[in-house]
């Protein structure tokens, strides 16, 4: 088990959605009842102050800049 939530951003109809790329990220999506997360969802997880024991891959912010999300 890794300590990273890995998501891949994809532009879908002008919206950037983040698809889970490992088991841990998939579990978070399942808990949320969704197949993908938004940038706001990831920011909420990061800034919640609740320690889940996972780090969100920092590449998300860099990829958001590329996708405009």
Protein backbone atom coordinates (compact mmCIF):
# COMPACT_ATOMS: atom_id res chain seq x y z
CA UNK A 1 0.00 0.00 0.00
CA UNK A 2 1.35 3.40 -0.97
CA UNK A 3 0.90 6.66 0.87
CA UNK A 4 -0.12 8.60 -2.23
CA UNK A 5 -3.44 9.24 -3.86
CA UNK A 6 -2.65 9.31 -7.56
CA UNK A 7 -5.11 10.94 -9.96
CA UNK A 8 -4.83 11.65 -13.67
CA UNK A 9 -6.49 14.84 -14.94
CA UNK A 10 -8.51 14.69 -18.13
CA UNK A 11 -10.43 17.45 -19.82
CA UNK A 12 -14.04 16.37 -20.34
CA UNK A 13 -16.37 18.85 -22.07
CA UNK A 14 -14.24 21.73 -20.84
CA UNK A 15 -14.05 20.50 -17.23
CA UNK A 16 -10.96 18.99 -15.69
CA UNK A 17 -11.82 15.76 -13.91
CA UNK A 18 -9.38 13.63 -11.94
CA UNK A 19 -9.48 9.89 -12.50
CA UNK A 20 -8.07 7.55 -9.84
CA UNK A 21 -4.87 5.75 -10.84
CA UNK A 22 -4.23 3.57 -7.78
CA UNK A 23 -6.27 1.54 -5.26
CA UNK A 24 -6.16 4.22 -2.60
CA UNK A 25 -7.47 6.93 -4.93
CA UNK A 26 -10.19 4.58 -6.17
CA UNK A 27 -11.27 3.96 -2.58
CA UNK A 28 -11.65 7.72 -1.97
CA UNK A 29 -13.79 8.02 -5.12
CA UNK A 30 -15.97 5.13 -3.96
CA UNK A 31 -16.49 6.74 -0.57
CA UNK A 32 -17.53 9.94 -2.37
CA UNK A 33 -19.90 7.90 -4.53
CA UNK A 34 -18.26 9.10 -7.75
CA UNK A 35 -15.95 7.82 -10.46
CA UNK A 36 -13.89 11.02 -10.59
CA UNK A 37 -13.03 13.97 -8.38
CA UNK A 38 -12.81 17.67 -9.18
CA UNK A 39 -9.96 20.03 -8.37
CA UNK A 40 -12.13 21.43 -5.57
CA UNK A 41 -12.57 17.92 -4.13
CA UNK A 42 -8.81 17.42 -4.09
CA UNK A 43 -8.25 20.83 -2.52
CA UNK A 44 -10.82 19.97 0.16
CA UNK A 45 -9.00 16.71 0.93
CA UNK A 46 -5.66 18.52 1.05
CA UNK A 47 -6.84 21.43 3.17
CA UNK A 48 -9.22 19.61 5.49
CA UNK A 49 -6.65 19.23 8.22
CA UNK A 50 -7.79 15.64 8.67
CA UNK A 51 -4.82 13.34 8.33
CA UNK A 52 -5.84 10.35 6.26
CA UNK A 53 -2.29 9.04 6.12
CA UNK A 54 -2.06 9.84 2.42
CA UNK A 55 -0.40 12.55 0.36
CA UNK A 56 -2.11 13.81 -2.75
CA UNK A 57 0.33 13.74 -5.64
CA UNK A 58 1.59 17.31 -6.03
CA UNK A 59 1.64 16.93 -9.80
CA UNK A 60 -2.10 17.68 -9.67
CA UNK A 61 -1.47 21.42 -9.34
CA UNK A 62 1.01 21.43 -12.18
CA UNK A 63 -1.34 19.46 -14.42
CA UNK A 64 -4.25 21.75 -13.52
CA UNK A 65 -2.23 24.66 -14.85
CA UNK A 66 -1.75 22.82 -18.13
CA UNK A 67 -5.40 21.84 -18.43
CA UNK A 68 -6.72 25.17 -17.18
CA UNK A 69 -8.65 23.47 -14.37
